[in-house]
Amino acid sequence: MGLWAGVAPLGYLNQNRIDKKCQIVIDKVRAPIVKQIFEKVAYEKWSGRKVYNWLKHDLNFKTRGNKTLTLSGIFRILDNPLYYGTFEYPRDSGKWYEGKHKPIVTKELYEQAQAQLKRDQIVRENKEFAFTKLFTCGYCASGISAEDKYKKLRDGTTAHYVYYGCTRARDRNCKNQYIREEELIAELVKILDQIHQSLLKRIIKIFAEVFFAPL
């Protein structure tokens, strides 16, 4: 045992041996991209959504079937221990094997990516961004998501930014760009400045009556 007995996952190709048993070999075109997916998450703390946008818009990356790699497909890659050399067969059997195939990533890189995914999940479950529930995309009407970004400055300090962007749930080809929270607030201030003061007071009164009325 140790030979993968199924369709090769992304980054590998199926190859028949002389004894007619199937094995998987490295896909020299896609394996480097698969490795970069793990590295982007583990080292650069990219979210699955950012990896998806990078593959789709920056690399125009396609699967063997000439399709765009889906967000769920990205998470399946990151969750698959076969990429560092081990697999369970049959699935959910509790029987694990050391594969005879060449790993694309190390076990350490795999585990670091897994740890980052868990941290991202905890943050998503516990953190609410100010504007994600207030707006939809002006281009395609999809929802709005937000991400924390950190940048190392020359003086050694780290700057923190929040970026808002379209989730592309309604239109995967939406070209709306990310915007920093400070820029979004500045645009909101401009809009509010254009509203007549009396109208603004009426809006505030309505909001107060709706959201702060006694039970």
Protein backbone atom coordinates (compact mmCIF):
# COMPACT_ATOMS: atom_id res chain seq x y z
CA MET A 1 0.00 0.00 0.00
CA GLY A 2 1.05 3.60 -0.44
CA LEU A 3 -0.20 4.15 -3.99
CA TRP A 4 -3.02 6.66 -4.36
CA ALA A 5 -5.92 4.72 -5.92
CA GLY A 6 -8.05 7.54 -7.26
CA VAL A 7 -8.13 10.60 -9.46
CA ALA A 8 -5.01 12.65 -8.86
CA PRO A 9 -5.66 15.81 -6.83
CA LEU A 10 -4.69 19.16 -8.31
CA GLY A 11 -0.91 19.37 -8.61
CA TYR A 12 -0.54 15.71 -9.54
CA LEU A 13 -1.20 13.57 -12.61
CA ASN A 14 -2.29 9.94 -12.82
CA GLN A 15 0.24 7.58 -14.35
CA ASN A 16 -0.17 3.85 -15.03
CA ARG A 17 2.70 1.59 -14.03
CA ILE A 18 3.95 -1.54 -15.76
CA ASP A 19 2.07 -3.66 -13.21
CA LYS A 20 -1.07 -1.72 -14.22
CA LYS A 21 -1.38 -0.14 -10.81
CA CYS A 22 -2.01 3.58 -10.80
CA GLN A 23 0.32 6.09 -9.22
CA ILE A 24 0.40 9.86 -9.09
CA VAL A 25 3.28 12.01 -10.27
CA ILE A 26 4.02 15.71 -9.99
CA ASP A 27 2.22 18.02 -12.41
CA LYS A 28 5.11 20.34 -13.23
CA VAL A 29 2.74 23.08 -14.38
CA ARG A 30 0.34 23.21 -11.43
CA ALA A 31 2.33 21.78 -8.50
CA PRO A 32 4.36 25.01 -8.01
CA ILE A 33 1.10 26.97 -7.78
CA VAL A 34 -0.31 24.51 -5.24
CA LYS A 35 2.81 25.00 -3.13
CA GLN A 36 2.42 28.77 -3.38
CA ILE A 37 -1.17 28.46 -2.12
CA PHE A 38 0.13 26.86 1.08
CA GLU A 39 2.90 29.46 1.37
CA LYS A 40 0.56 32.42 0.85
CA VAL A 41 -1.68 31.21 3.68
CA ALA A 42 1.05 30.02 6.05
CA TYR A 43 3.66 32.78 5.62
CA GLU A 44 1.76 35.79 4.29
CA LYS A 45 -1.47 35.05 6.21
CA TRP A 46 -3.66 35.27 3.13
CA SER A 47 -7.33 34.38 3.42
CA GLY A 48 -8.92 31.81 1.14
CA ARG A 49 -10.77 34.63 -0.62
CA LYS A 50 -7.53 36.47 -1.35
CA VAL A 51 -5.96 33.28 -2.72
CA TYR A 52 -9.02 32.83 -4.93
CA ASN A 53 -8.78 36.37 -6.34
CA TRP A 54 -5.02 35.97 -6.90
CA LEU A 55 -5.47 32.72 -8.82
CA LYS A 56 -8.40 33.99 -10.86
CA HIS A 57 -7.47 37.58 -11.63
CA ASP A 58 -3.68 37.74 -11.37
CA LEU A 59 -2.65 34.30 -12.66
CA ASN A 60 -5.72 33.30 -14.67
CA PHE A 61 -5.06 29.86 -13.19
CA LYS A 62 -7.01 26.90 -14.56
CA THR A 63 -7.47 23.32 -13.37
CA ARG A 64 -6.80 20.32 -15.61
CA GLY A 65 -10.38 20.66 -16.78
CA ASN A 66 -9.68 24.26 -17.82
CA LYS A 67 -11.89 25.61 -15.04
CA THR A 68 -11.35 28.29 -12.42
CA LEU A 69 -10.40 26.83 -9.04
CA THR A 70 -13.31 27.50 -6.69
CA LEU A 71 -13.00 28.84 -3.15
CA SER A 72 -14.14 25.49 -1.75
CA GLY A 73 -11.55 23.79 -3.96
CA ILE A 74 -8.83 25.95 -2.41
CA PHE A 75 -9.86 24.89 1.08
CA ARG A 76 -9.92 21.24 0.01
CA ILE A 77 -6.31 21.59 -1.12
CA LEU A 78 -5.27 23.20 2.14
CA ASP A 79 -7.04 20.45 4.13
CA ASN A 80 -5.56 17.53 2.17
CA PRO A 81 -2.61 15.84 3.95
CA LEU A 82 -1.78 13.96 0.75
CA TYR A 83 0.18 17.03 -0.31
CA TYR A 84 2.78 16.36 2.39
CA GLY A 85 2.81 12.61 1.76
CA THR A 86 0.14 10.83 3.80
CA PHE A 87 -3.46 9.85 3.13
CA GLU A 88 -6.42 8.01 4.66
CA TYR A 89 -7.94 5.09 2.76
CA PRO A 90 -10.80 4.39 2.64
CA ARG A 91 -11.98 7.84 3.70
CA ASP A 92 -13.01 8.07 7.36
CA SER A 93 -11.64 4.57 7.99
CA GLY A 94 -8.90 5.72 10.35
CA LYS A 95 -6.34 3.83 8.23
CA TRP A 96 -3.49 6.11 7.26
CA TYR A 97 -0.69 5.36 4.80
CA GLU A 98 2.60 6.94 3.83
CA GLY A 99 2.29 7.65 0.14
CA LYS A 100 4.88 6.59 -2.41
CA HIS A 101 4.30 9.80 -4.32
CA LYS A 102 6.52 12.87 -4.06
CA PRO A 103 5.14 15.47 -1.61
CA ILE A 104 4.50 19.01 -2.86
CA VAL A 105 4.83 20.60 0.59
CA THR A 106 6.45 19.67 3.88
CA LYS A 107 4.42 18.57 6.86
CA GLU A 108 5.57 21.71 8.68
CA LEU A 109 4.23 23.98 5.91
CA TYR A 110 0.93 22.07 5.85
CA GLU A 111 0.50 22.37 9.61
CA GLN A 112 1.38 26.06 9.59
CA ALA A 113 -1.24 26.70 6.90
CA GLN A 114 -3.79 24.74 8.94
CA ALA A 115 -3.00 26.77 12.04
CA GLN A 116 -3.47 30.02 10.11
CA LEU A 117 -6.82 28.85 8.75
CA LYS A 118 -8.00 28.12 12.29
CA ARG A 119 -6.90 31.58 13.44
CA ASP A 120 -8.79 33.14 10.53
CA GLN A 121 -11.90 31.20 11.49
CA ILE A 122 -11.72 32.39 15.09
CA VAL A 123 -11.32 35.99 13.93
CA ARG A 124 -14.27 35.71 11.54
CA GLU A 125 -16.47 34.23 14.25
CA ASN A 126 -15.61 36.87 16.84
CA LYS A 127 -14.93 40.06 14.92
CA GLU A 128 -17.44 42.31 13.23
CA PHE A 129 -16.34 45.03 10.84
CA ALA A 130 -18.13 48.36 10.88
CA PHE A 131 -19.60 48.48 7.37
CA THR A 132 -19.96 44.92 6.04
CA LYS A 133 -23.67 44.73 6.92
CA LEU A 134 -24.50 48.24 5.77
CA PHE A 135 -23.47 48.15 2.12
CA THR A 136 -23.62 46.06 -1.01
CA CYS A 137 -21.42 46.29 -4.08
CA GLY A 138 -22.42 49.17 -6.36
CA TYR A 139 -21.42 47.17 -9.42
CA CYS A 140 -23.06 43.76 -8.91
CA ALA A 141 -25.06 44.04 -5.64
CA SER A 142 -23.03 41.30 -3.93
CA GLY A 143 -22.27 41.56 -0.24
CA ILE A 144 -19.21 43.33 1.13
CA SER A 145 -16.41 41.59 3.00
CA ALA A 146 -13.55 43.07 5.02
CA GLU A 147 -10.00 42.01 5.79
CA ASP A 148 -7.33 43.16 8.21
CA LYS A 149 -4.00 43.97 6.58
CA TYR A 150 -0.68 44.55 8.30
CA LYS A 151 2.34 46.28 6.80
CA LYS A 152 5.83 46.41 8.24
CA LEU A 153 7.14 49.98 8.16
CA ARG A 154 10.72 51.11 7.77
CA ASP A 155 10.92 52.22 11.38
CA GLY A 156 10.13 48.69 12.53
CA THR A 157 6.53 49.35 13.53
CA THR A 158 3.55 47.63 11.97
CA ALA A 159 0.68 49.55 10.39
CA HIS A 160 -2.84 48.12 10.51
CA TYR A 161 -5.39 48.70 7.76
CA VAL A 162 -8.91 47.44 7.07
CA TYR A 163 -9.90 46.85 3.46
CA TYR A 164 -13.45 46.40 2.16
CA GLY A 165 -14.27 44.66 -1.09
CA CYS A 166 -16.93 42.86 -3.09
CA THR A 167 -17.50 39.19 -2.24
CA ARG A 168 -18.33 38.55 -5.92
CA ALA A 169 -21.12 36.24 -4.81
CA ARG A 170 -23.46 37.46 -7.58
CA ASP A 171 -20.85 38.14 -10.24
CA ARG A 172 -17.52 36.33 -10.16
CA ASN A 173 -16.16 38.74 -12.75
CA CYS A 174 -17.01 41.90 -10.81
CA LYS A 175 -14.20 44.43 -11.23
CA ASN A 176 -14.95 46.52 -8.15
CA GLN A 177 -11.71 47.27 -6.30
CA TYR A 178 -10.85 47.05 -2.61
CA ILE A 179 -11.03 50.28 -0.61
CA ARG A 180 -9.40 51.17 2.70
CA GLU A 181 -11.68 51.92 5.62
CA GLU A 182 -10.31 55.47 5.91
CA GLU A 183 -11.17 56.16 2.28
CA LEU A 184 -14.64 54.67 2.71
CA ILE A 185 -15.31 56.87 5.73
CA ALA A 186 -14.11 59.93 3.81
CA GLU A 187 -16.58 59.16 1.02
CA LEU A 188 -19.38 58.75 3.55
CA VAL A 189 -18.54 62.11 5.08
CA LYS A 190 -18.76 63.75 1.65
CA ILE A 191 -22.20 62.24 1.11
CA LEU A 192 -23.42 63.31 4.53
CA ASP A 193 -22.14 66.84 3.93
CA GLN A 194 -24.37 67.03 0.87
CA ILE A 195 -27.49 66.16 2.82
CA HIS A 196 -29.48 69.13 4.06
CA GLN A 197 -29.22 69.47 7.82
CA SER A 198 -32.97 69.31 8.37
CA LEU A 199 -33.19 66.10 6.38
CA LEU A 200 -30.28 64.68 8.32
CA LYS A 201 -32.07 65.44 11.59
CA ARG A 202 -35.16 63.63 10.32
CA ILE A 203 -33.10 60.60 9.37
CA ILE A 204 -31.42 60.54 12.77
CA LYS A 205 -34.81 60.80 14.46
CA ILE A 206 -36.20 57.89 12.44
CA PHE A 207 -33.18 55.73 13.21
CA ALA A 208 -33.52 56.56 16.90
CA GLU A 209 -37.20 55.62 16.91
CA VAL A 210 -36.59 52.36 15.07
CA PHE A 211 -33.46 51.12 16.79
CA PHE A 212 -33.67 52.65 20.24
CA ALA A 213 -37.39 52.56 20.97
CA PRO A 214 -38.26 51.10 24.40
CA LEU A 215 -39.50 47.50 24.36
